[in-house]
PDB file of N, CA and C in Angstrom:
ATOM      1  N   UNK A   1     -60.095  16.658  19.033  1.00  0.00           N
ATOM      2  CA  UNK A   1     -59.892  15.445  18.806  1.00  0.00           C
ATOM      3  C   UNK A   1     -58.562  14.910  18.313  1.00  0.00           C
ATOM      4  N   UNK A   2     -58.059  13.904  18.555  1.00  0.00           N
ATOM      5  CA  UNK A   2     -56.971  13.611  18.340  1.00  0.00           C
ATOM      6  C   UNK A   2     -56.688  12.912  16.731  1.00  0.00           C
ATOM      7  N   UNK A   3     -55.891  13.420  16.322  1.00  0.00           N
ATOM      8  CA  UNK A   3     -55.720  12.885  14.826  1.00  0.00           C
ATOM      9  C   UNK A   3     -54.327  12.291  14.401  1.00  0.00           C
ATOM     10  N   UNK A   4     -54.609  11.014  14.183  1.00  0.00           N
ATOM     11  CA  UNK A   4     -53.618   9.786  13.715  1.00  0.00           C
ATOM     12  C   UNK A   4     -53.229   9.700  12.425  1.00  0.00           C
ATOM     13  N   UNK A   5     -51.800  10.108  12.304  1.00  0.00           N
ATOM     14  CA  UNK A   5     -51.545   9.949  10.815  1.00  0.00           C
ATOM     15  C   UNK A   5     -50.823   8.757  10.687  1.00  0.00           C
ATOM     16  N   UNK A   6     -50.315   8.423   9.468  1.00  0.00           N
ATOM     17  CA  UNK A   6     -50.000   6.924   9.245  1.00  0.00           C
ATOM     18  C   UNK A   6     -48.364   6.868   9.305  1.00  0.00           C
ATOM     19  N   UNK A   7     -47.907   5.655   9.603  1.00  0.00           N
ATOM     20  CA  UNK A   7     -46.400   5.458   9.422  1.00  0.00           C
ATOM     21  C   UNK A   7     -46.352   4.629   8.343  1.00  0.00           C
ATOM     22  N   UNK A   8     -45.557   5.225   7.443  1.00  0.00           N
ATOM     23  CA  UNK A   8     -45.675   4.343   6.204  1.00  0.00           C
ATOM     24  C   UNK A   8     -44.309   3.772   5.563  1.00  0.00           C
ATOM     25  N   UNK A   9     -43.123   4.664   5.883  1.00  0.00           N
ATOM     26  CA  UNK A   9     -41.406   4.337   5.405  1.00  0.00           C
ATOM     27  C   UNK A   9     -41.069   3.351   6.566  1.00  0.00           C
ATOM     28  N   UNK A  10     -40.347   2.500   5.640  1.00  0.00           N
ATOM     29  CA  UNK A  10     -39.535   1.450   6.411  1.00  0.00           C
ATOM     30  C   UNK A  10     -39.053   1.892   7.635  1.00  0.00           C
ATOM     31  N   UNK A  11     -38.038   3.071   7.270  1.00  0.00           N
ATOM     32  CA  UNK A  11     -36.996   3.580   8.481  1.00  0.00           C
ATOM     33  C   UNK A  11     -37.766   4.124   9.361  1.00  0.00           C
ATOM     34  N   UNK A  12     -39.045   4.554   9.477  1.00  0.00           N
ATOM     35  CA  UNK A  12     -40.097   5.088  10.502  1.00  0.00           C
ATOM     36  C   UNK A  12     -40.415   3.556  11.716  1.00  0.00           C
ATOM     37  N   UNK A  13     -40.635   2.732  10.883  1.00  0.00           N
ATOM     38  CA  UNK A  13     -40.896   1.365  11.478  1.00  0.00           C
ATOM     39  C   UNK A  13     -40.014   0.816  12.350  1.00  0.00           C
ATOM     40  N   UNK A  14     -38.644   0.978  11.390  1.00  0.00           N
ATOM     41  CA  UNK A  14     -37.130   0.300  12.045  1.00  0.00           C
ATOM     42  C   UNK A  14     -36.977   1.391  13.563  1.00  0.00           C
ATOM     43  N   UNK A  15     -37.012   2.707  13.167  1.00  0.00           N
ATOM     44  CA  UNK A  15     -36.702   3.690  14.293  1.00  0.00           C
ATOM     45  C   UNK A  15     -37.851   3.217  15.397  1.00  0.00           C
ATOM     46  N   UNK A  16     -39.085   2.754  15.516  1.00  0.00           N
ATOM     47  CA  UNK A  16     -39.939   2.353  16.462  1.00  0.00           C
ATOM     48  C   UNK A  16     -39.318   1.227  17.163  1.00  0.00           C
ATOM     49  N   UNK A  17     -39.095   0.263  16.180  1.00  0.00           N
ATOM     50  CA  UNK A  17     -38.601  -1.148  16.798  1.00  0.00           C
ATOM     51  C   UNK A  17     -37.508  -0.955  17.695  1.00  0.00           C
ATOM     52  N   UNK A  18     -36.618  -0.301  16.850  1.00  0.00           N
ATOM     53  CA  UNK A  18     -34.976   0.045  17.676  1.00  0.00           C
ATOM     54  C   UNK A  18     -35.356   0.548  19.270  1.00  0.00           C
ATOM     55  N   UNK A  19     -36.004   1.873  19.023  1.00  0.00           N
ATOM     56  CA  UNK A  19     -36.108   2.953  19.849  1.00  0.00           C
ATOM     57  C   UNK A  19     -37.111   2.922  20.978  1.00  0.00           C
ATOM     58  N   UNK A  20     -38.336   2.298  20.576  1.00  0.00           N
ATOM     59  CA  UNK A  20     -39.509   2.155  21.142  1.00  0.00           C
ATOM     60  C   UNK A  20     -39.589   0.952  22.518  1.00  0.00           C
ATOM     61  N   UNK A  21     -40.385   1.015  23.211  1.00  0.00           N
ATOM     62  CA  UNK A  21     -40.939  -0.118  24.189  1.00  0.00           C
ATOM     63  C   UNK A  21     -41.731  -0.814  23.821  1.00  0.00           C
ATOM     64  N   UNK A  22     -41.904  -2.062  23.742  1.00  0.00           N
ATOM     65  CA  UNK A  22     -42.769  -3.010  23.393  1.00  0.00           C
ATOM     66  C   UNK A  22     -43.745  -3.939  24.485  1.00  0.00           C
ATOM     67  N   UNK A  23     -44.409  -3.979  24.426  1.00  0.00           N
ATOM     68  CA  UNK A  23     -45.486  -4.803  25.461  1.00  0.00           C
ATOM     69  C   UNK A  23     -45.909  -5.750  24.440  1.00  0.00           C
ATOM     70  N   UNK A  24     -46.670  -6.826  24.992  1.00  0.00           N
ATOM     71  CA  UNK A  24     -47.590  -8.009  24.248  1.00  0.00           C
ATOM     72  C   UNK A  24     -48.311  -8.644  25.155  1.00  0.00           C
ATOM     73  N   UNK A  25     -49.274  -9.276  24.663  1.00  0.00           N
ATOM     74  CA  UNK A  25     -50.185 -10.011  25.208  1.00  0.00           C
ATOM     75  C   UNK A  25     -50.708 -11.065  24.235  1.00  0.00           C
ATOM     76  N   UNK A  26     -51.465 -12.168  24.308  1.00  0.00           N
ATOM     77  CA  UNK A  26     -51.574 -13.281  23.594  1.00  0.00           C
ATOM     78  C   UNK A  26     -51.678 -12.972  21.881  1.00  0.00           C
ATOM     79  N   UNK A  27     -52.364 -12.058  21.761  1.00  0.00           N
ATOM     80  CA  UNK A  27     -52.688 -11.645  20.569  1.00  0.00           C
ATOM     81  C   UNK A  27     -52.284 -10.339  19.560  1.00  0.00           C
ATOM     82  N   UNK A  28     -51.608  -9.708  20.647  1.00  0.00           N
ATOM     83  CA  UNK A  28     -51.090  -8.469  19.524  1.00  0.00           C
ATOM     84  C   UNK A  28     -49.781  -7.913  20.399  1.00  0.00           C
ATOM     85  N   UNK A  29     -48.754  -7.220  19.675  1.00  0.00           N
ATOM     86  CA  UNK A  29     -47.552  -6.604  20.249  1.00  0.00           C
ATOM     87  C   UNK A  29     -47.787  -5.496  19.749  1.00  0.00           C
ATOM     88  N   UNK A  30     -47.320  -4.412  20.790  1.00  0.00           N
ATOM     89  CA  UNK A  30     -47.061  -2.710  20.505  1.00  0.00           C
ATOM     90  C   UNK A  30     -46.004  -2.231  20.734  1.00  0.00           C
ATOM     91  N   UNK A  31     -45.517  -1.473  19.924  1.00  0.00           N
ATOM     92  CA  UNK A  31     -44.475  -0.975  20.001  1.00  0.00           C
ATOM     93  C   UNK A  31     -44.494   0.461  20.110  1.00  0.00           C
ATOM     94  N   UNK A  32     -44.042   1.558  21.207  1.00  0.00           N
ATOM     95  CA  UNK A  32     -44.527   2.808  21.440  1.00  0.00           C
ATOM     96  C   UNK A  32     -43.258   3.545  21.311  1.00  0.00           C
ATOM     97  N   UNK A  33     -43.021   4.702  20.875  1.00  0.00           N
ATOM     98  CA  UNK A  33     -42.014   5.403  20.869  1.00  0.00           C
ATOM     99  C   UNK A  33     -42.510   7.015  20.941  1.00  0.00           C
ATOM    100  N   UNK A  34     -42.231   7.668  21.962  1.00  0.00           N
ATOM    101  CA  UNK A  34     -42.624   9.143  21.993  1.00  0.00           C
ATOM    102  C   UNK A  34     -42.060   9.893  20.716  1.00  0.00           C
ATOM    103  N   UNK A  35     -42.941  10.639  20.315  1.00  0.00           N
ATOM    104  CA  UNK A  35     -42.341  11.698  18.727  1.00  0.00           C
ATOM    105  C   UNK A  35     -42.450  13.116  19.580  1.00  0.00           C
ATOM    106  N   UNK A  36     -42.101  13.574  18.410  1.00  0.00           N
ATOM    107  CA  UNK A  36     -42.103  15.305  18.741  1.00  0.00           C
ATOM    108  C   UNK A  36     -43.277  16.194  18.034  1.00  0.00           C
ATOM    109  N   UNK A  37     -44.025  15.635  17.730  1.00  0.00           N
ATOM    110  CA  UNK A  37     -45.407  16.084  17.265  1.00  0.00           C
ATOM    111  C   UNK A  37     -46.556  16.064  18.320  1.00  0.00           C
ATOM    112  N   UNK A  38     -47.410  16.463  17.920  1.00  0.00           N
ATOM    113  CA  UNK A  38     -48.778  16.522  18.591  1.00  0.00           C
ATOM    114  C   UNK A  38     -49.871  15.614  18.116  1.00  0.00           C
ATOM    115  N   UNK A  39     -49.393  14.823  17.319  1.00  0.00           N
ATOM    116  CA  UNK A  39     -50.404  13.815  16.930  1.00  0.00           C
ATOM    117  C   UNK A  39     -49.674  12.516  16.757  1.00  0.00           C
ATOM    118  N   UNK A  40     -50.395  11.323  17.139  1.00  0.00           N
ATOM    119  CA  UNK A  40     -49.985   9.952  17.294  1.00  0.00           C
ATOM    120  C   UNK A  40     -49.866   9.530  15.400  1.00  0.00           C
ATOM    121  N   UNK A  41     -48.749   8.862  15.451  1.00  0.00           N
ATOM    122  CA  UNK A  41     -48.372   7.988  13.911  1.00  0.00           C
ATOM    123  C   UNK A  41     -48.719   6.506  14.438  1.00  0.00           C
ATOM    124  N   UNK A  42     -49.516   5.762  13.345  1.00  0.00           N
ATOM    125  CA  UNK A  42     -49.946   4.581  13.603  1.00  0.00           C
ATOM    126  C   UNK A  42     -49.346   3.512  12.539  1.00  0.00           C
ATOM    127  N   UNK A  43     -48.905   2.607  12.562  1.00  0.00           N
ATOM    128  CA  UNK A  43     -48.371   1.734  11.549  1.00  0.00           C
ATOM    129  C   UNK A  43     -48.732   0.445  12.160  1.00  0.00           C
ATOM    130  N   UNK A  44     -49.385  -0.551  11.318  1.00  0.00           N
ATOM    131  CA  UNK A  44     -49.965  -1.994  11.464  1.00  0.00           C
ATOM    132  C   UNK A  44     -49.112  -2.578  10.528  1.00  0.00           C
ATOM    133  N   UNK A  45     -48.383  -3.692  11.103  1.00  0.00           N
ATOM    134  CA  UNK A  45     -47.534  -4.487  10.075  1.00  0.00           C
ATOM    135  C   UNK A  45     -47.968  -6.054  10.574  1.00  0.00           C
ATOM    136  N   UNK A  46     -48.311  -6.964   9.586  1.00  0.00           N
ATOM    137  CA  UNK A  46     -48.546  -8.390   9.821  1.00  0.00           C
ATOM    138  C   UNK A  46     -47.544  -9.406   9.035  1.00  0.00           C
ATOM    139  N   UNK A  47     -46.812 -10.298   9.770  1.00  0.00           N
ATOM    140  CA  UNK A  47     -46.023 -11.193   9.124  1.00  0.00           C
ATOM    141  C   UNK A  47     -47.047 -12.239   8.337  1.00  0.00           C
ATOM    142  N   UNK A  48     -46.055 -12.939   7.748  1.00  0.00           N
ATOM    143  CA  UNK A  48     -46.675 -14.231   7.053  1.00  0.00           C
ATOM    144  C   UNK A  48     -47.331 -14.930   7.846  1.00  0.00           C
ATOM    145  N   UNK A  49     -46.600 -15.334   9.035  1.00  0.00           N
ATOM    146  CA  UNK A  49     -47.330 -16.236  10.150  1.00  0.00           C
ATOM    147  C   UNK A  49     -48.555 -16.160  10.385  1.00  0.00           C
ATOM    148  N   UNK A  50     -49.132 -14.848  10.090  1.00  0.00           N
ATOM    149  CA  UNK A  50     -50.339 -14.431  10.690  1.00  0.00           C
ATOM    150  C   UNK A  50     -51.691 -15.501   9.418  1.00  0.00           C
ATOM    151  N   UNK A  51     -50.858 -15.375   8.327  1.00  0.00           N
ATOM    152  CA  UNK A  51     -51.677 -16.147   7.178  1.00  0.00           C
ATOM    153  C   UNK A  51     -51.299 -15.243   5.752  1.00  0.00           C
ATOM    154  N   UNK A  52     -52.011 -16.080   4.820  1.00  0.00           N
ATOM    155  CA  UNK A  52     -51.745 -15.489   3.648  1.00  0.00           C
ATOM    156  C   UNK A  52     -52.168 -13.817   3.548  1.00  0.00           C
ATOM    157  N   UNK A  53     -52.105 -13.319   2.110  1.00  0.00           N
ATOM    158  CA  UNK A  53     -52.199 -11.788   1.941  1.00  0.00           C
ATOM    159  C   UNK A  53     -53.635 -11.447   2.474  1.00  0.00           C
ATOM    160  N   UNK A  54     -54.725 -12.063   2.050  1.00  0.00           N
ATOM    161  CA  UNK A  54     -56.007 -11.721   2.162  1.00  0.00           C
ATOM    162  C   UNK A  54     -56.212 -11.790   3.776  1.00  0.00           C
ATOM    163  N   UNK A  55     -55.700 -12.765   4.355  1.00  0.00           N
ATOM    164  CA  UNK A  55     -55.629 -12.951   5.873  1.00  0.00           C
ATOM    165  C   UNK A  55     -55.424 -11.549   6.760  1.00  0.00           C
ATOM    166  N   UNK A  56     -54.017 -11.316   6.283  1.00  0.00           N
ATOM    167  CA  UNK A  56     -53.348 -10.367   6.875  1.00  0.00           C
ATOM    168  C   UNK A  56     -54.007  -9.168   6.699  1.00  0.00           C
ATOM    169  N   UNK A  57     -54.646  -8.794   5.831  1.00  0.00           N
ATOM    170  CA  UNK A  57     -54.993  -7.581   4.991  1.00  0.00           C
ATOM    171  C   UNK A  57     -56.392  -7.370   6.064  1.00  0.00           C
ATOM    172  N   UNK A  58     -57.034  -8.587   6.163  1.00  0.00           N
ATOM    173  CA  UNK A  58     -58.234  -8.607   7.012  1.00  0.00           C
ATOM    174  C   UNK A  58     -57.981  -8.081   8.618  1.00  0.00           C
ATOM    175  N   UNK A  59     -56.722  -8.642   8.991  1.00  0.00           N
ATOM    176  CA  UNK A  59     -56.324  -8.349  10.482  1.00  0.00           C
ATOM    177  C   UNK A  59     -55.934  -7.058  10.615  1.00  0.00           C
ATOM    178  N   UNK A  60     -55.300  -6.398   9.305  1.00  0.00           N
ATOM    179  CA  UNK A  60     -54.437  -4.927   9.238  1.00  0.00           C
ATOM    180  C   UNK A  60     -55.649  -4.162   9.501  1.00  0.00           C
ATOM    181  N   UNK A  61     -56.597  -4.353   8.579  1.00  0.00           N
ATOM    182  CA  UNK A  61     -58.268  -3.405   8.796  1.00  0.00           C
ATOM    183  C   UNK A  61     -58.894  -3.646  10.021  1.00  0.00           C
ATOM    184  N   UNK A  62     -59.022  -4.801  10.723  1.00  0.00           N
ATOM    185  CA  UNK A  62     -59.641  -4.881  11.952  1.00  0.00           C
ATOM    186  C   UNK A  62     -58.914  -4.198  13.001  1.00  0.00           C
ATOM    187  N   UNK A  63     -57.403  -4.303  12.931  1.00  0.00           N
ATOM    188  CA  UNK A  63     -56.945  -3.923  13.788  1.00  0.00           C
ATOM    189  C   UNK A  63     -56.895  -2.058  13.878  1.00  0.00           C
ATOM    190  N   UNK A  64     -56.709  -1.587  12.615  1.00  0.00           N
ATOM    191  CA  UNK A  64     -57.132  -0.212  12.178  1.00  0.00           C
ATOM    192  C   UNK A  64     -58.254   0.440  12.717  1.00  0.00           C
ATOM    193  N   UNK A  65     -59.451  -0.378  12.510  1.00  0.00           N
ATOM    194  CA  UNK A  65     -60.654  -0.043  13.353  1.00  0.00           C
ATOM    195  C   UNK A  65     -60.807  -0.241  14.595  1.00  0.00           C
ATOM    196  N   UNK A  66     -60.063  -0.990  14.861  1.00  0.00           N
ATOM    197  CA  UNK A  66     -60.290  -1.142  16.402  1.00  0.00           C
ATOM    198  C   UNK A  66     -59.591   0.156  17.124  1.00  0.00           C
ATOM    199  N   UNK A  67     -58.096   0.368  16.717  1.00  0.00           N
ATOM    200  CA  UNK A  67     -57.437   1.591  17.065  1.00  0.00           C
ATOM    201  C   UNK A  67     -58.412   2.787  17.085  1.00  0.00           C
ATOM    202  N   UNK A  68     -58.864   2.952  15.785  1.00  0.00           N
ATOM    203  CA  UNK A  68     -59.856   4.158  15.643  1.00  0.00           C
ATOM    204  C   UNK A  68     -60.983   4.375  16.543  1.00  0.00           C
ATOM    205  N   UNK A  69     -61.397   2.793  16.934  1.00  0.00           N
ATOM    206  CA  UNK A  69     -62.407   3.017  18.012  1.00  0.00           C
ATOM    207  C   UNK A  69     -62.004   3.704  19.528  1.00  0.00           C
ATOM    208  N   UNK A  70     -60.916   3.446  19.493  1.00  0.00           N
ATOM    209  CA  UNK A  70     -60.069   3.963  20.810  1.00  0.00           C
ATOM    210  C   UNK A  70     -59.418   5.148  20.784  1.00  0.00           C
ATOM    211  N   UNK A  71     -59.334   5.691  19.607  1.00  0.00           N
ATOM    212  CA  UNK A  71     -58.227   6.817  19.196  1.00  0.00           C
ATOM    213  C   UNK A  71     -58.639   7.908  20.338  1.00  0.00           C
ATOM    214  N   UNK A  72     -59.546   8.584  20.655  1.00  0.00           N
ATOM    215  CA  UNK A  72     -59.860   9.596  21.483  1.00  0.00           C
ATOM    216  C   UNK A  72     -59.250   9.126  22.646  1.00  0.00           C
ATOM    217  N   UNK A  73     -58.818   8.276  23.264  1.00  0.00           N
ATOM    218  CA  UNK A  73     -58.495   7.860  24.644  1.00  0.00           C
ATOM    219  C   UNK A  73     -57.018   7.817  24.687  1.00  0.00           C
ATOM    220  N   UNK A  74     -56.364   7.828  23.614  1.00  0.00           N
ATOM    221  CA  UNK A  74     -54.756   7.684  23.547  1.00  0.00           C
ATOM    222  C   UNK A  74     -54.177   9.038  23.400  1.00  0.00           C
ATOM    223  N   UNK A  75     -53.202   9.302  24.542  1.00  0.00           N
ATOM    224  CA  UNK A  75     -52.546  10.509  24.376  1.00  0.00           C
ATOM    225  C   UNK A  75     -51.824  10.851  23.144  1.00  0.00           C
ATOM    226  N   UNK A  76     -51.696  11.922  22.533  1.00  0.00           N
ATOM    227  CA  UNK A  76     -51.117  12.452  21.688  1.00  0.00           C
ATOM    228  C   UNK A  76     -49.410  12.445  21.639  1.00  0.00           C
ATOM    229  N   UNK A  77     -49.006  12.531  20.487  1.00  0.00           N
ATOM    230  CA  UNK A  77     -47.457  12.428  20.725  1.00  0.00           C
ATOM    231  C   UNK A  77     -46.673  11.059  20.432  1.00  0.00           C
ATOM    232  N   UNK A  78     -47.173  10.244  20.144  1.00  0.00           N
ATOM    233  CA  UNK A  78     -46.352   8.999  20.117  1.00  0.00           C
ATOM    234  C   UNK A  78     -46.600   8.303  18.578  1.00  0.00           C
ATOM    235  N   UNK A  79     -45.628   7.355  18.173  1.00  0.00           N
ATOM    236  CA  UNK A  79     -45.473   6.589  17.286  1.00  0.00           C
ATOM    237  C   UNK A  79     -45.687   4.982  17.787  1.00  0.00           C
ATOM    238  N   UNK A  80     -46.803   4.545  17.376  1.00  0.00           N
ATOM    239  CA  UNK A  80     -47.300   3.428  17.613  1.00  0.00           C
ATOM    240  C   UNK A  80     -47.422   2.574  16.253  1.00  0.00           C
ATOM    241  N   UNK A  81     -46.699   1.443  16.530  1.00  0.00           N
ATOM    242  CA  UNK A  81     -46.648   0.017  15.703  1.00  0.00           C
ATOM    243  C   UNK A  81     -47.336  -0.984  16.297  1.00  0.00           C
ATOM    244  N   UNK A  82     -48.269  -1.716  15.599  1.00  0.00           N
ATOM    245  CA  UNK A  82     -49.217  -2.910  16.136  1.00  0.00           C
ATOM    246  C   UNK A  82     -48.799  -4.123  15.158  1.00  0.00           C
ATOM    247  N   UNK A  83     -48.221  -5.035  15.875  1.00  0.00           N
ATOM    248  CA  UNK A  83     -47.945  -6.307  15.160  1.00  0.00           C
ATOM    249  C   UNK A  83     -49.077  -7.232  15.763  1.00  0.00           C
ATOM    250  N   UNK A  84     -50.012  -7.792  14.866  1.00  0.00           N
ATOM    251  CA  UNK A  84     -50.758  -8.931  15.321  1.00  0.00           C
ATOM    252  C   UNK A  84     -50.059 -10.205  15.303  1.00  0.00           C
ATOM    253  N   UNK A  85     -50.690 -11.467  16.037  1.00  0.00           N
ATOM    254  CA  UNK A  85     -49.728 -12.612  16.425  1.00  0.00           C
ATOM    255  C   UNK A  85     -50.904 -13.617  15.843  1.00  0.00           C
ATOM    256  N   UNK A  86     -49.977 -14.707  15.600  1.00  0.00           N
ATOM    257  CA  UNK A  86     -51.068 -15.488  14.836  1.00  0.00           C
ATOM    258  C   UNK A  86     -52.370 -16.020  15.521  1.00  0.00           C
ATOM    259  N   UNK A  87     -52.799 -16.025  16.573  1.00  0.00           N
ATOM    260  CA  UNK A  87     -53.858 -16.348  16.983  1.00  0.00           C
ATOM    261  C   UNK A  87     -55.003 -15.175  17.097  1.00  0.00           C
ATOM    262  N   UNK A  88     -54.646 -14.101  16.348  1.00  0.00           N
ATOM    263  CA  UNK A  88     -55.552 -12.932  16.347  1.00  0.00           C
ATOM    264  C   UNK A  88     -56.789 -13.301  15.418  1.00  0.00           C
ATOM    265  N   UNK A  89     -56.735 -14.419  14.537  1.00  0.00           N
ATOM    266  CA  UNK A  89     -57.592 -14.795  13.492  1.00  0.00           C
ATOM    267  C   UNK A  89     -59.168 -15.353  14.382  1.00  0.00           C
ATOM    268  N   UNK A  90     -58.511 -15.832  15.368  1.00  0.00           N
ATOM    269  CA  UNK A  90     -59.607 -16.924  16.170  1.00  0.00           C
ATOM    270  C   UNK A  90     -60.519 -15.758  17.091  1.00  0.00           C
ATOM    271  N   UNK A  91     -60.169 -14.466  17.273  1.00  0.00           N
ATOM    272  CA  UNK A  91     -60.667 -13.885  18.395  1.00  0.00           C
ATOM    273  C   UNK A  91     -61.907 -12.796  17.596  1.00  0.00           C
ATOM    274  N   UNK A  92     -62.871 -12.335  18.614  1.00  0.00           N
ATOM    275  CA  UNK A  92     -63.911 -11.450  17.974  1.00  0.00           C
ATOM    276  C   UNK A  92     -63.355  -9.838  18.056  1.00  0.00           C
ATOM    277  N   UNK A  93     -64.104  -9.189  17.167  1.00  0.00           N
ATOM    278  CA  UNK A  93     -63.742  -7.775  17.111  1.00  0.00           C
ATOM    279  C   UNK A  93     -63.357  -7.341  18.635  1.00  0.00           C
ATOM    280  N   UNK A  94     -64.601  -7.512  19.409  1.00  0.00           N
ATOM    281  CA  UNK A  94     -64.749  -6.895  20.850  1.00  0.00           C
ATOM    282  C   UNK A  94     -63.502  -7.130  21.554  1.00  0.00           C
ATOM    283  N   UNK A  95     -63.444  -8.591  21.397  1.00  0.00           N
ATOM    284  CA  UNK A  95     -62.063  -9.097  22.086  1.00  0.00           C
ATOM    285  C   UNK A  95     -60.622  -8.377  21.602  1.00  0.00           C
ATOM    286  N   UNK A  96     -60.673  -8.119  20.448  1.00  0.00           N
ATOM    287  CA  UNK A  96     -59.717  -7.340  19.763  1.00  0.00           C
ATOM    288  C   UNK A  96     -59.233  -5.861  20.210  1.00  0.00           C
ATOM    289  N   UNK A  97     -60.537  -5.210  20.468  1.00  0.00           N
ATOM    290  CA  UNK A  97     -60.584  -3.812  21.052  1.00  0.00           C
ATOM    291  C   UNK A  97     -60.249  -4.074  22.644  1.00  0.00           C
ATOM    292  N   UNK A  98     -60.552  -4.950  23.221  1.00  0.00           N
ATOM    293  CA  UNK A  98     -60.351  -5.067  24.590  1.00  0.00           C
ATOM    294  C   UNK A  98     -58.917  -5.375  24.655  1.00  0.00           C
ATOM    295  N   UNK A  99     -58.046  -6.120  23.981  1.00  0.00           N
ATOM    296  CA  UNK A  99     -56.839  -6.349  24.050  1.00  0.00           C
ATOM    297  C   UNK A  99     -55.838  -5.222  23.847  1.00  0.00           C
ATOM    298  N   UNK A 100     -56.341  -4.566  22.626  1.00  0.00           N
ATOM    299  CA  UNK A 100     -55.771  -3.308  22.273  1.00  0.00           C
ATOM    300  C   UNK A 100     -55.865  -2.368  23.584  1.00  0.00           C
ATOM    301  N   UNK A 101     -56.826  -2.007  24.021  1.00  0.00           N
ATOM    302  CA  UNK A 101     -57.155  -1.187  24.988  1.00  0.00           C
ATOM    303  C   UNK A 101     -56.213  -1.551  26.563  1.00  0.00           C
ATOM    304  N   UNK A 102     -55.981  -2.834  26.743  1.00  0.00           N
ATOM    305  CA  UNK A 102     -55.298  -3.229  27.659  1.00  0.00           C
ATOM    306  C   UNK A 102     -53.733  -2.938  27.420  1.00  0.00           C
ATOM    307  N   UNK A 103     -53.310  -3.401  26.463  1.00  0.00           N
ATOM    308  CA  UNK A 103     -52.057  -2.780  26.052  1.00  0.00           C
ATOM    309  C   UNK A 103     -51.456  -1.225  26.127  1.00  0.00           C
ATOM    310  N   UNK A 104     -52.466  -0.594  25.506  1.00  0.00           N
ATOM    311  CA  UNK A 104     -52.396   0.917  25.480  1.00  0.00           C
ATOM    312  C   UNK A 104     -52.514   1.521  26.845  1.00  0.00           C
ATOM    313  N   UNK A 105     -53.060   0.670  27.819  1.00  0.00           N
ATOM    314  CA  UNK A 105     -53.086   1.228  29.195  1.00  0.00           C
ATOM    315  C   UNK A 105     -51.718   0.891  29.934  1.00  0.00           C
ATOM    316  N   UNK A 106     -51.473  -0.237  29.720  1.00  0.00           N
ATOM    317  CA  UNK A 106     -49.928  -0.636  30.266  1.00  0.00           C
ATOM    318  C   UNK A 106     -48.832   0.121  29.689  1.00  0.00           C
ATOM    319  N   UNK A 107     -48.865   0.796  28.541  1.00  0.00           N
ATOM    320  CA  UNK A 107     -47.783   1.225  27.818  1.00  0.00           C
ATOM    321  C   UNK A 107     -47.947   2.909  28.722  1.00  0.00           C
ATOM    322  N   UNK A 108     -49.044   3.245  29.486  1.00  0.00           N
ATOM    323  CA  UNK A 108     -49.315   4.347  29.980  1.00  0.00           C
ATOM    324  C   UNK A 108     -49.665   5.479  28.991  1.00  0.00           C
ATOM    325  N   UNK A 109     -50.311   5.238  27.969  1.00  0.00           N
ATOM    326  CA  UNK A 109     -50.723   6.367  26.851  1.00  0.00           C
ATOM    327  C   UNK A 109     -52.227   6.510  26.775  1.00  0.00           C
ATOM    328  N   UNK A 110     -52.746   5.806  27.566  1.00  0.00           N
ATOM    329  CA  UNK A 110     -54.141   5.685  27.960  1.00  0.00           C
ATOM    330  C   UNK A 110     -54.513   6.872  28.544  1.00  0.00           C
ATOM    331  N   UNK A 111     -55.552   7.720  28.029  1.00  0.00           N
ATOM    332  CA  UNK A 111     -56.304   8.870  28.927  1.00  0.00           C
ATOM    333  C   UNK A 111     -57.091   8.510  30.039  1.00  0.00           C
ATOM    334  N   UNK A 112     -57.124   8.965  31.228  1.00  0.00           N
ATOM    335  CA  UNK A 112     -58.196   8.256  31.971  1.00  0.00           C
ATOM    336  C   UNK A 112     -59.491   9.358  31.763  1.00  0.00           C
ATOM    337  N   UNK A 113     -59.663  10.304  31.768  1.00  0.00           N
ATOM    338  CA  UNK A 113     -60.597  10.957  31.068  1.00  0.00           C
ATOM    339  C   UNK A 113     -60.572  11.796  29.807  1.00  0.00           C
ATOM    340  N   UNK A 114     -61.928  11.085  29.050  1.00  0.00           N
ATOM    341  CA  UNK A 114     -61.907  11.507  27.764  1.00  0.00           C
ATOM    342  C   UNK A 114     -62.187  13.169  27.363  1.00  0.00           C
TER     343      UNK A 114
END
């Protein structure tokens, strides 16, 4: 089972922003950077454009849960930062999972066989 740790420190986020590769769709931006561990590290950051604190926290929780649902399919050894965009509040959880899966596949960190 793939174990995902949490990115917490600002310097870790900044490192992923500077050195990582970003891809986006209408609702989500994902930065991915290879790390030297055998686990993934996930960080989720929502800007104030997404909404007030309650809205931002809800979207962070939804994205964390969407990632958790897909976690076993994600190849280990990456730092992943997910940024919700403004329109994310209007999509269903199923659409969120679909958007996330699409971006993970485009990044090439999606396992073909679980």
